[in-house]
Amino acid sequence: RGEARIVEPGRIEVRRDGENPRTLEAPHLVVAVGSQPVIPPIEGLEEAGYLTSNDGTSLRDLPSSIVVMGGGPVGVELAQVYARFGVRTTIVQGGDRILPRDHPKSSEVLAEQLRGEGVDIRTGVRGVRVRRDGAGRALELSDGSTVEGSELLVAVGRRPADLRALGIEEAGAALGARGEADPDPHMRVAEGLYVAGDCSGGMQFTHVADYEGRVAVRVALGKEAKADL
């Protein structure tokens, strides 16, 4: 565990807990630090405590029940995982169907499959307030109802990681208001500096990240490559 920061073009300072900093040098750097969960401004959420999708994939003990806020790909995937492990699972989705970017028939088929596996799907409602309820959490919904779970998982979306803390600007890159990158077709953001994956600001899919990484590395090695997204 630790942190890394670009101190100048071609030089990274790496700090690990309890160790003196080390400096690594290379003519080309590829930044692939991913994305971070979007946390909605819901009353009581911070006080009650919650899991993000990062936490949801790394738990070592199963909760007795879980409420998943968000019916997109991440929320649906994790809901099915927990349901198949025998956890009582509820999905809360603000839109009228889960997986709103997919074809409506796909959403319908998957919703039927999830319900068959015991998942309670609440659509057309959003969380407005969270409170602790004994050892669990109670999520009050916009239709006046309440869903409860020993854990609350927030999976309403992810945004590109804020790159300002990494020293990207000091290395010559221009960033957006939220610290997001804007690479050229070669995945380059400054001379000798490239981005790939979620932090590049494009589509957040594993296969896209793999593709962007291949383009960035080829260009860094002096080969011809251009990202066609």
C-alpha atoms as a PDB file:
ATOM      1  CA  ARG A   1       0.000   0.000   0.000  1.00  0.00           C
ATOM      2  CA  GLY A   2       1.169   3.519  -0.707  1.00  0.00           C
ATOM      3  CA  GLU A   3       0.956   6.228  -3.314  1.00  0.00           C
ATOM      4  CA  ALA A   4       2.710   7.389  -6.451  1.00  0.00           C
ATOM      5  CA  ARG A   5       3.113  10.831  -7.927  1.00  0.00           C
ATOM      6  CA  ILE A   6       4.681  12.163 -11.106  1.00  0.00           C
ATOM      7  CA  VAL A   7       7.210  14.752  -9.923  1.00  0.00           C
ATOM      8  CA  GLU A   8       8.338  15.741 -13.416  1.00  0.00           C
ATOM      9  CA  PRO A   9       8.165  14.276 -16.917  1.00  0.00           C
ATOM     10  CA  GLY A  10       9.618  10.782 -16.863  1.00  0.00           C
ATOM     11  CA  ARG A  11      10.006  10.569 -13.081  1.00  0.00           C
ATOM     12  CA  ILE A  12       7.640   9.003 -10.515  1.00  0.00           C
ATOM     13  CA  GLU A  13       8.030   9.140  -6.771  1.00  0.00           C
ATOM     14  CA  VAL A  14       6.633   6.066  -5.033  1.00  0.00           C
ATOM     15  CA  ARG A  15       5.872   6.127  -1.313  1.00  0.00           C
ATOM     16  CA  ARG A  16       4.966   3.008   0.627  1.00  0.00           C
ATOM     17  CA  ASP A  17       3.797   2.894   4.214  1.00  0.00           C
ATOM     18  CA  GLY A  18       6.775   2.938   6.561  1.00  0.00           C
ATOM     19  CA  GLU A  19       9.335   3.175   3.774  1.00  0.00           C
ATOM     20  CA  ASN A  20      11.420   5.972   2.327  1.00  0.00           C
ATOM     21  CA  PRO A  21      10.253   7.237  -1.068  1.00  0.00           C
ATOM     22  CA  ARG A  22      11.753   5.748  -4.219  1.00  0.00           C
ATOM     23  CA  THR A  23      12.102   7.453  -7.575  1.00  0.00           C
ATOM     24  CA  LEU A  24      11.428   5.528 -10.781  1.00  0.00           C
ATOM     25  CA  GLU A  25      12.426   6.880 -14.165  1.00  0.00           C
ATOM     26  CA  ALA A  26      11.225   6.016 -17.659  1.00  0.00           C
ATOM     27  CA  PRO A  27      10.905   7.939 -20.925  1.00  0.00           C
ATOM     28  CA  HIS A  28       7.234   6.913 -21.225  1.00  0.00           C
ATOM     29  CA  LEU A  29       4.554   6.569 -18.568  1.00  0.00           C
ATOM     30  CA  VAL A  30       1.121   4.945 -18.924  1.00  0.00           C
ATOM     31  CA  VAL A  31      -1.473   5.902 -16.298  1.00  0.00           C
ATOM     32  CA  ALA A  32      -4.231   3.302 -15.829  1.00  0.00           C
ATOM     33  CA  VAL A  33      -5.722   4.023 -12.407  1.00  0.00           C
ATOM     34  CA  GLY A  34      -9.339   3.267 -13.294  1.00  0.00           C
ATOM     35  CA  SER A  35     -12.459   4.957 -12.002  1.00  0.00           C
ATOM     36  CA  GLN A  36     -14.119   5.761  -8.698  1.00  0.00           C
ATOM     37  CA  PRO A  37     -17.694   5.124  -7.540  1.00  0.00           C
ATOM     38  CA  VAL A  38     -20.280   7.896  -7.777  1.00  0.00           C
ATOM     39  CA  ILE A  39     -21.877   8.451  -4.352  1.00  0.00           C
ATOM     40  CA  PRO A  40     -25.291  10.146  -4.514  1.00  0.00           C
ATOM     41  CA  PRO A  41     -26.137  12.920  -2.014  1.00  0.00           C
ATOM     42  CA  ILE A  42     -28.723  10.947  -0.026  1.00  0.00           C
ATOM     43  CA  GLU A  43     -29.623  12.050   3.479  1.00  0.00           C
ATOM     44  CA  GLY A  44     -28.086   9.822   6.146  1.00  0.00           C
ATOM     45  CA  LEU A  45     -25.995   7.752   3.722  1.00  0.00           C
ATOM     46  CA  GLU A  46     -22.596   8.671   5.145  1.00  0.00           C
ATOM     47  CA  GLU A  47     -23.765   8.251   8.728  1.00  0.00           C
ATOM     48  CA  ALA A  48     -25.366   4.854   8.098  1.00  0.00           C
ATOM     49  CA  GLY A  49     -22.410   3.494   6.161  1.00  0.00           C
ATOM     50  CA  TYR A  50     -22.411   1.729   2.813  1.00  0.00           C
ATOM     51  CA  LEU A  51     -20.441  -0.486   0.459  1.00  0.00           C
ATOM     52  CA  THR A  52     -19.229   0.543  -2.986  1.00  0.00           C
ATOM     53  CA  SER A  53     -18.792  -1.795  -5.925  1.00  0.00           C
ATOM     54  CA  ASN A  54     -15.110  -1.980  -4.939  1.00  0.00           C
ATOM     55  CA  ASP A  55     -16.097  -3.289  -1.509  1.00  0.00           C
ATOM     56  CA  GLY A  56     -18.779  -5.552  -2.927  1.00  0.00           C
ATOM     57  CA  THR A  57     -16.272  -7.629  -4.862  1.00  0.00           C
ATOM     58  CA  SER A  58     -13.860  -8.038  -1.944  1.00  0.00           C
ATOM     59  CA  LEU A  59     -16.020  -9.050   1.031  1.00  0.00           C
ATOM     60  CA  ARG A  60     -14.898 -12.196   2.816  1.00  0.00           C
ATOM     61  CA  ASP A  61     -18.115 -12.746   4.812  1.00  0.00           C
ATOM     62  CA  LEU A  62     -21.574 -12.869   3.277  1.00  0.00           C
ATOM     63  CA  PRO A  63     -24.208 -10.525   4.727  1.00  0.00           C
ATOM     64  CA  SER A  64     -27.584 -11.965   5.622  1.00  0.00           C
ATOM     65  CA  SER A  65     -29.250  -9.476   3.268  1.00  0.00           C
ATOM     66  CA  ILE A  66     -28.220  -6.668   0.951  1.00  0.00           C
ATOM     67  CA  VAL A  67     -29.876  -3.724  -0.804  1.00  0.00           C
ATOM     68  CA  VAL A  68     -28.249  -2.739  -4.099  1.00  0.00           C
ATOM     69  CA  MET A  69     -28.789   0.847  -5.217  1.00  0.00           C
ATOM     70  CA  GLY A  70     -28.455   0.892  -8.988  1.00  0.00           C
ATOM     71  CA  GLY A  71     -29.752  -1.419 -11.700  1.00  0.00           C
ATOM     72  CA  GLY A  72     -26.984  -0.953 -14.234  1.00  0.00           C
ATOM     73  CA  PRO A  73     -24.462  -3.641 -15.250  1.00  0.00           C
ATOM     74  CA  VAL A  74     -22.451  -3.455 -12.006  1.00  0.00           C
ATOM     75  CA  GLY A  75     -25.465  -3.448  -9.692  1.00  0.00           C
ATOM     76  CA  VAL A  76     -27.179  -6.284 -11.560  1.00  0.00           C
ATOM     77  CA  GLU A  77     -24.042  -8.409 -11.696  1.00  0.00           C
ATOM     78  CA  LEU A  78     -23.332  -8.052  -7.986  1.00  0.00           C
ATOM     79  CA  ALA A  79     -26.986  -8.585  -7.064  1.00  0.00           C
ATOM     80  CA  GLN A  80     -26.990 -11.910  -8.904  1.00  0.00           C
ATOM     81  CA  VAL A  81     -23.705 -12.941  -7.296  1.00  0.00           C
ATOM     82  CA  TYR A  82     -25.047 -12.343  -3.794  1.00  0.00           C
ATOM     83  CA  ALA A  83     -28.411 -13.950  -4.563  1.00  0.00           C
ATOM     84  CA  ARG A  84     -26.671 -17.087  -5.831  1.00  0.00           C
ATOM     85  CA  PHE A  85     -24.765 -17.259  -2.562  1.00  0.00           C
ATOM     86  CA  GLY A  86     -28.092 -17.308  -0.725  1.00  0.00           C
ATOM     87  CA  VAL A  87     -28.153 -13.651   0.349  1.00  0.00           C
ATOM     88  CA  ARG A  88     -31.594 -11.982   0.420  1.00  0.00           C
ATOM     89  CA  THR A  89     -31.110  -9.309  -2.252  1.00  0.00           C
ATOM     90  CA  THR A  90     -33.044  -6.221  -3.352  1.00  0.00           C
ATOM     91  CA  ILE A  91     -32.273  -3.956  -6.330  1.00  0.00           C
ATOM     92  CA  VAL A  92     -33.468  -0.337  -6.271  1.00  0.00           C
ATOM     93  CA  GLN A  93     -33.503   1.281  -9.714  1.00  0.00           C
ATOM     94  CA  GLY A  94     -34.665   4.841 -10.414  1.00  0.00           C
ATOM     95  CA  GLY A  95     -35.649   4.134 -14.017  1.00  0.00           C
ATOM     96  CA  ASP A  96     -38.544   2.005 -15.199  1.00  0.00           C
ATOM     97  CA  ARG A  97     -36.320  -1.026 -15.864  1.00  0.00           C
ATOM     98  CA  ILE A  98     -32.955  -2.478 -14.962  1.00  0.00           C
ATOM     99  CA  LEU A  99     -30.117  -2.172 -17.495  1.00  0.00           C
ATOM    100  CA  PRO A 100     -31.658   0.929 -19.108  1.00  0.00           C
ATOM    101  CA  ARG A 101     -28.950   1.157 -21.795  1.00  0.00           C
ATOM    102  CA  ASP A 102     -29.653  -2.361 -23.034  1.00  0.00           C
ATOM    103  CA  HIS A 103     -32.471  -3.419 -25.340  1.00  0.00           C
ATOM    104  CA  PRO A 104     -35.800  -3.500 -23.448  1.00  0.00           C
ATOM    105  CA  LYS A 105     -36.251  -7.198 -24.219  1.00  0.00           C
ATOM    106  CA  SER A 106     -32.829  -7.953 -22.731  1.00  0.00           C
ATOM    107  CA  SER A 107     -33.793  -6.052 -19.580  1.00  0.00           C
ATOM    108  CA  GLU A 108     -37.069  -7.979 -19.398  1.00  0.00           C
ATOM    109  CA  VAL A 109     -35.390 -11.377 -19.761  1.00  0.00           C
ATOM    110  CA  LEU A 110     -32.759 -10.576 -17.137  1.00  0.00           C
ATOM    111  CA  ALA A 111     -35.316  -9.172 -14.709  1.00  0.00           C
ATOM    112  CA  GLU A 112     -37.333 -12.385 -15.025  1.00  0.00           C
ATOM    113  CA  GLN A 113     -34.189 -14.447 -14.448  1.00  0.00           C
ATOM    114  CA  LEU A 114     -33.218 -12.439 -11.358  1.00  0.00           C
ATOM    115  CA  ARG A 115     -36.694 -12.658  -9.872  1.00  0.00           C
ATOM    116  CA  GLY A 116     -36.576 -16.400 -10.450  1.00  0.00           C
ATOM    117  CA  GLU A 117     -33.393 -16.457  -8.364  1.00  0.00           C
ATOM    118  CA  GLY A 118     -35.124 -14.595  -5.552  1.00  0.00           C
ATOM    119  CA  VAL A 119     -34.037 -11.014  -6.219  1.00  0.00           C
ATOM    120  CA  ASP A 120     -36.585  -8.342  -5.297  1.00  0.00           C
ATOM    121  CA  ILE A 121     -36.463  -5.641  -8.021  1.00  0.00           C
ATOM    122  CA  ARG A 122     -37.897  -2.200  -7.251  1.00  0.00           C
ATOM    123  CA  THR A 123     -38.025   0.061 -10.334  1.00  0.00           C
ATOM    124  CA  GLY A 124     -39.281   3.615 -10.753  1.00  0.00           C
ATOM    125  CA  VAL A 125     -38.163   4.579  -7.247  1.00  0.00           C
ATOM    126  CA  ARG A 126     -35.056   6.179  -5.787  1.00  0.00           C
ATOM    127  CA  GLY A 127     -33.520   6.311  -2.359  1.00  0.00           C
ATOM    128  CA  VAL A 128     -34.256   9.507  -0.450  1.00  0.00           C
ATOM    129  CA  ARG A 129     -33.024   8.735   3.066  1.00  0.00           C
ATOM    130  CA  VAL A 130     -30.916   6.115   4.840  1.00  0.00           C
ATOM    131  CA  ARG A 131     -30.925   5.268   8.541  1.00  0.00           C
ATOM    132  CA  ARG A 132     -29.371   2.640  10.723  1.00  0.00           C
ATOM    133  CA  ASP A 133     -31.803  -0.050  11.775  1.00  0.00           C
ATOM    134  CA  GLY A 134     -30.165  -2.134  14.461  1.00  0.00           C
ATOM    135  CA  ALA A 135     -27.208  -3.841  12.816  1.00  0.00           C
ATOM    136  CA  GLY A 136     -28.518  -3.062   9.312  1.00  0.00           C
ATOM    137  CA  ARG A 137     -29.653  -0.189   7.119  1.00  0.00           C
ATOM    138  CA  ALA A 138     -33.096   0.997   6.111  1.00  0.00           C
ATOM    139  CA  LEU A 139     -33.454   2.812   2.790  1.00  0.00           C
ATOM    140  CA  GLU A 140     -36.523   5.009   2.468  1.00  0.00           C
ATOM    141  CA  LEU A 141     -37.765   5.232  -1.117  1.00  0.00           C
ATOM    142  CA  SER A 142     -39.435   8.001  -3.083  1.00  0.00           C
ATOM    143  CA  ASP A 143     -42.774   6.139  -3.146  1.00  0.00           C
ATOM    144  CA  GLY A 144     -42.934   6.097   0.657  1.00  0.00           C
ATOM    145  CA  SER A 145     -41.893   2.469   1.084  1.00  0.00           C
ATOM    146  CA  THR A 146     -38.767   1.208   2.844  1.00  0.00           C
ATOM    147  CA  VAL A 147     -36.357  -1.618   2.034  1.00  0.00           C
ATOM    148  CA  GLU A 148     -33.979  -3.057   4.594  1.00  0.00           C
ATOM    149  CA  GLY A 149     -30.716  -4.956   4.473  1.00  0.00           C
ATOM    150  CA  SER A 150     -27.809  -5.732   6.715  1.00  0.00           C
ATOM    151  CA  GLU A 151     -25.652  -4.063   4.039  1.00  0.00           C
ATOM    152  CA  LEU A 152     -26.318  -1.282   1.533  1.00  0.00           C
ATOM    153  CA  LEU A 153     -24.358  -1.393  -1.722  1.00  0.00           C
ATOM    154  CA  VAL A 154     -24.131   1.791  -3.808  1.00  0.00           C
ATOM    155  CA  ALA A 155     -23.680   0.999  -7.515  1.00  0.00           C
ATOM    156  CA  VAL A 156     -25.221   3.982  -9.297  1.00  0.00           C
ATOM    157  CA  GLY A 157     -22.247   4.641 -11.563  1.00  0.00           C
ATOM    158  CA  ARG A 158     -18.549   5.368 -11.738  1.00  0.00           C
ATOM    159  CA  ARG A 159     -16.558   8.359 -12.959  1.00  0.00           C
ATOM    160  CA  PRO A 160     -12.958   8.538 -14.213  1.00  0.00           C
ATOM    161  CA  ALA A 161     -10.406   8.821 -11.419  1.00  0.00           C
ATOM    162  CA  ASP A 162      -9.318  12.354 -10.533  1.00  0.00           C
ATOM    163  CA  LEU A 163      -5.767  12.539 -11.889  1.00  0.00           C
ATOM    164  CA  ARG A 164      -4.773  15.827 -10.275  1.00  0.00           C
ATOM    165  CA  ALA A 165      -3.351  14.136  -7.179  1.00  0.00           C
ATOM    166  CA  LEU A 166      -0.969  12.105  -9.361  1.00  0.00           C
ATOM    167  CA  GLY A 167       0.903  15.171 -10.612  1.00  0.00           C
ATOM    168  CA  ILE A 168      -0.328  14.744 -14.188  1.00  0.00           C
ATOM    169  CA  GLU A 169      -0.573  18.482 -14.736  1.00  0.00           C
ATOM    170  CA  GLU A 170       3.012  19.008 -13.591  1.00  0.00           C
ATOM    171  CA  ALA A 171       4.007  16.570 -16.337  1.00  0.00           C
ATOM    172  CA  GLY A 172       2.347  18.784 -18.951  1.00  0.00           C
ATOM    173  CA  ALA A 173      -1.157  17.328 -19.252  1.00  0.00           C
ATOM    174  CA  ALA A 174      -4.273  19.470 -19.345  1.00  0.00           C
ATOM    175  CA  LEU A 175      -7.122  18.099 -17.226  1.00  0.00           C
ATOM    176  CA  GLY A 176     -10.820  18.854 -16.986  1.00  0.00           C
ATOM    177  CA  ALA A 177     -12.632  20.438 -14.040  1.00  0.00           C
ATOM    178  CA  ARG A 178     -12.879  17.086 -12.242  1.00  0.00           C
ATOM    179  CA  GLY A 179      -9.340  16.032 -13.020  1.00  0.00           C
ATOM    180  CA  GLU A 180     -10.330  13.924 -16.021  1.00  0.00           C
ATOM    181  CA  ALA A 181      -8.017  13.261 -18.961  1.00  0.00           C
ATOM    182  CA  ASP A 182      -8.641  14.144 -22.604  1.00  0.00           C
ATOM    183  CA  PRO A 183      -6.223  11.991 -24.617  1.00  0.00           C
ATOM    184  CA  ASP A 184      -5.499  12.316 -28.307  1.00  0.00           C
ATOM    185  CA  PRO A 185      -6.125   9.367 -30.675  1.00  0.00           C
ATOM    186  CA  HIS A 186      -2.788   7.885 -29.576  1.00  0.00           C
ATOM    187  CA  MET A 187      -3.965   7.891 -25.917  1.00  0.00           C
ATOM    188  CA  ARG A 188      -1.358  10.602 -25.248  1.00  0.00           C
ATOM    189  CA  VAL A 189      -2.029  13.454 -22.813  1.00  0.00           C
ATOM    190  CA  ALA A 190       1.484  14.964 -22.811  1.00  0.00           C
ATOM    191  CA  GLU A 191       4.882  14.150 -24.246  1.00  0.00           C
ATOM    192  CA  GLY A 192       5.800  10.676 -23.000  1.00  0.00           C
ATOM    193  CA  LEU A 193       2.596  10.408 -20.938  1.00  0.00           C
ATOM    194  CA  TYR A 194      -0.400   8.221 -21.824  1.00  0.00           C
ATOM    195  CA  VAL A 195      -3.659   7.080 -20.251  1.00  0.00           C
ATOM    196  CA  ALA A 196      -5.688   3.904 -20.699  1.00  0.00           C
ATOM    197  CA  GLY A 197      -8.846   2.395 -19.258  1.00  0.00           C
ATOM    198  CA  ASP A 198     -11.547   4.106 -17.224  1.00  0.00           C
ATOM    199  CA  CYS A 199      -9.341   7.072 -16.309  1.00  0.00           C
ATOM    200  CA  SER A 200      -9.104   8.016 -19.995  1.00  0.00           C
ATOM    201  CA  GLY A 201     -12.720   9.210 -19.827  1.00  0.00           C
ATOM    202  CA  GLY A 202     -14.177   6.862 -22.441  1.00  0.00           C
ATOM    203  CA  MET A 203     -16.364   3.778 -22.253  1.00  0.00           C
ATOM    204  CA  GLN A 204     -15.844   1.860 -19.025  1.00  0.00           C
ATOM    205  CA  PHE A 205     -15.452  -1.709 -20.251  1.00  0.00           C
ATOM    206  CA  THR A 206     -12.651  -4.194 -19.696  1.00  0.00           C
ATOM    207  CA  HIS A 207     -12.203  -4.862 -23.417  1.00  0.00           C
ATOM    208  CA  VAL A 208     -11.975  -1.114 -24.129  1.00  0.00           C
ATOM    209  CA  ALA A 209      -9.349  -0.674 -21.402  1.00  0.00           C
ATOM    210  CA  ASP A 210      -7.348  -3.560 -22.869  1.00  0.00           C
ATOM    211  CA  TYR A 211      -7.542  -2.016 -26.333  1.00  0.00           C
ATOM    212  CA  GLU A 212      -6.511   1.448 -25.138  1.00  0.00           C
ATOM    213  CA  GLY A 213      -3.620  -0.025 -23.183  1.00  0.00           C
ATOM    214  CA  ARG A 214      -2.356  -1.836 -26.277  1.00  0.00           C
ATOM    215  CA  VAL A 215      -2.519   1.388 -28.300  1.00  0.00           C
ATOM    216  CA  ALA A 216      -0.713   3.406 -25.613  1.00  0.00           C
ATOM    217  CA  VAL A 217       2.088   0.865 -25.261  1.00  0.00           C
ATOM    218  CA  ARG A 218       2.584   0.522 -29.019  1.00  0.00           C
ATOM    219  CA  VAL A 219       2.881   4.290 -29.406  1.00  0.00           C
ATOM    220  CA  ALA A 220       5.215   4.532 -26.404  1.00  0.00           C
ATOM    221  CA  LEU A 221       7.465   1.920 -28.034  1.00  0.00           C
ATOM    222  CA  GLY A 222       7.658   3.961 -31.227  1.00  0.00           C
ATOM    223  CA  LYS A 223       5.198   1.946 -33.281  1.00  0.00           C
ATOM    224  CA  GLU A 224       2.259   3.274 -35.271  1.00  0.00           C
ATOM    225  CA  ALA A 225      -1.104   2.959 -33.518  1.00  0.00           C
ATOM    226  CA  LYS A 226      -4.274   4.976 -33.262  1.00  0.00           C
ATOM    227  CA  ALA A 227      -7.331   4.333 -31.093  1.00  0.00           C
ATOM    228  CA  ASP A 228     -10.503   3.947 -33.159  1.00  0.00           C
ATOM    229  CA  LEU A 229     -13.248   4.081 -30.537  1.00  0.00           C
END
